[in-house]
């Protein structure tokens, strides 16, 4: 993670899901399953991040190159349908 992504995580008030590759100062962490961490006008939103540590490339576009990431995204989107608020599992 670089300083720009760290700043974005803080500005969004994101919660990062454990385990993480590198701790981000000022960003809370939580164990999965987790979601609905931001409430605005009585509506819950999931503002979450998860770090991955690919071993065979630099990590750009990890969602398109990593099978576990793809499964995590599919699960996250699926919980939006089944639970009403997406969560990371």
Protein backbone atom coordinates (compact mmCIF):
# COMPACT_ATOMS: atom_id res chain seq x y z
CA UNK A 1 0.00 0.00 0.00
CA UNK A 2 1.23 3.46 -0.79
CA UNK A 3 0.57 6.80 0.87
CA UNK A 4 -2.16 7.74 -1.64
CA UNK A 5 -4.16 4.59 -0.95
CA UNK A 6 -3.62 5.05 2.79
CA UNK A 7 -4.97 8.61 2.60
CA UNK A 8 -7.98 7.42 0.60
CA UNK A 9 -8.75 4.71 3.18
CA UNK A 10 -8.70 7.32 5.96
CA UNK A 11 -10.79 9.83 4.00
CA UNK A 12 -13.42 7.20 3.21
CA UNK A 13 -13.46 6.06 6.85
CA UNK A 14 -12.87 2.54 5.58
CA UNK A 15 -12.36 -0.45 7.79
CA UNK A 16 -9.75 -2.93 6.60
CA UNK A 17 -10.38 -6.63 6.97
CA UNK A 18 -7.79 -8.73 8.79
CA UNK A 19 -5.27 -10.04 8.09
CA UNK A 20 -3.54 -7.10 6.46
CA UNK A 21 -0.24 -6.88 4.63
CA UNK A 22 0.73 -3.53 6.10
CA UNK A 23 -1.09 -1.65 8.84
CA UNK A 24 -2.48 1.74 7.83
CA UNK A 25 -2.23 4.37 10.56
CA UNK A 26 -5.64 5.72 11.49
CA UNK A 27 -7.62 2.99 9.72
CA UNK A 28 -9.57 0.54 11.88
CA UNK A 29 -9.44 -3.18 11.27
CA UNK A 30 -11.99 -5.94 11.77
CA UNK A 31 -12.21 -9.67 11.38
CA UNK A 32 -14.49 -11.12 8.73
CA UNK A 33 -17.41 -11.43 8.44
CA UNK A 34 -17.89 -7.69 8.57
CA UNK A 35 -20.01 -5.07 6.81
CA UNK A 36 -22.36 -2.17 7.32
CA UNK A 37 -19.70 -0.10 9.05
CA UNK A 38 -20.99 3.32 7.93
CA UNK A 39 -24.52 4.53 8.65
CA UNK A 40 -25.85 7.66 6.95
CA UNK A 41 -29.48 8.77 7.13
CA UNK A 42 -30.32 5.43 8.77
CA UNK A 43 -28.90 3.45 5.82
CA UNK A 44 -25.96 1.09 6.33
CA UNK A 45 -23.08 1.05 3.86
CA UNK A 46 -20.01 -1.14 3.69
CA UNK A 47 -16.83 0.87 3.24
CA UNK A 48 -14.19 -1.79 3.44
CA UNK A 49 -10.76 -2.66 2.20
CA UNK A 50 -8.76 -5.83 2.03
CA UNK A 51 -5.10 -6.14 1.22
CA UNK A 52 -3.65 -8.92 -0.88
CA UNK A 53 -0.04 -9.91 -1.30
CA UNK A 54 0.47 -11.41 -4.74
CA UNK A 55 3.74 -13.24 -5.18
CA UNK A 56 4.12 -13.39 -8.95
CA UNK A 57 3.30 -9.80 -10.03
CA UNK A 58 3.28 -6.26 -8.64
CA UNK A 59 -0.34 -6.32 -7.45
CA UNK A 60 -1.91 -4.00 -9.99
CA UNK A 61 -5.42 -5.06 -10.98
CA UNK A 62 -5.36 -7.83 -8.38
CA UNK A 63 -9.08 -8.44 -8.85
CA UNK A 64 -8.47 -9.51 -12.43
CA UNK A 65 -5.40 -11.66 -11.77
CA UNK A 66 -6.02 -13.44 -8.47
CA UNK A 67 -8.58 -16.24 -8.07
CA UNK A 68 -9.03 -15.66 -4.32
CA UNK A 69 -9.70 -11.97 -4.90
CA UNK A 70 -12.28 -12.82 -7.56
CA UNK A 71 -14.02 -15.20 -5.14
CA UNK A 72 -13.98 -12.54 -2.42
CA UNK A 73 -15.55 -9.94 -4.74
CA UNK A 74 -18.24 -12.40 -5.86
CA UNK A 75 -19.03 -13.23 -2.23
CA UNK A 76 -19.15 -9.52 -1.29
CA UNK A 77 -21.57 -8.73 -4.12
CA UNK A 78 -23.64 -11.81 -3.30
CA UNK A 79 -24.11 -10.73 0.30
CA UNK A 80 -25.49 -7.42 -0.97
CA UNK A 81 -28.33 -9.42 -2.49
CA UNK A 82 -28.82 -11.98 0.29
CA UNK A 83 -28.28 -9.72 3.32
CA UNK A 84 -29.19 -6.27 1.95
CA UNK A 85 -25.83 -4.84 3.01
CA UNK A 86 -22.66 -6.33 1.55
CA UNK A 87 -20.12 -7.83 3.87
CA UNK A 88 -16.69 -9.36 3.55
CA UNK A 89 -16.57 -12.98 4.61
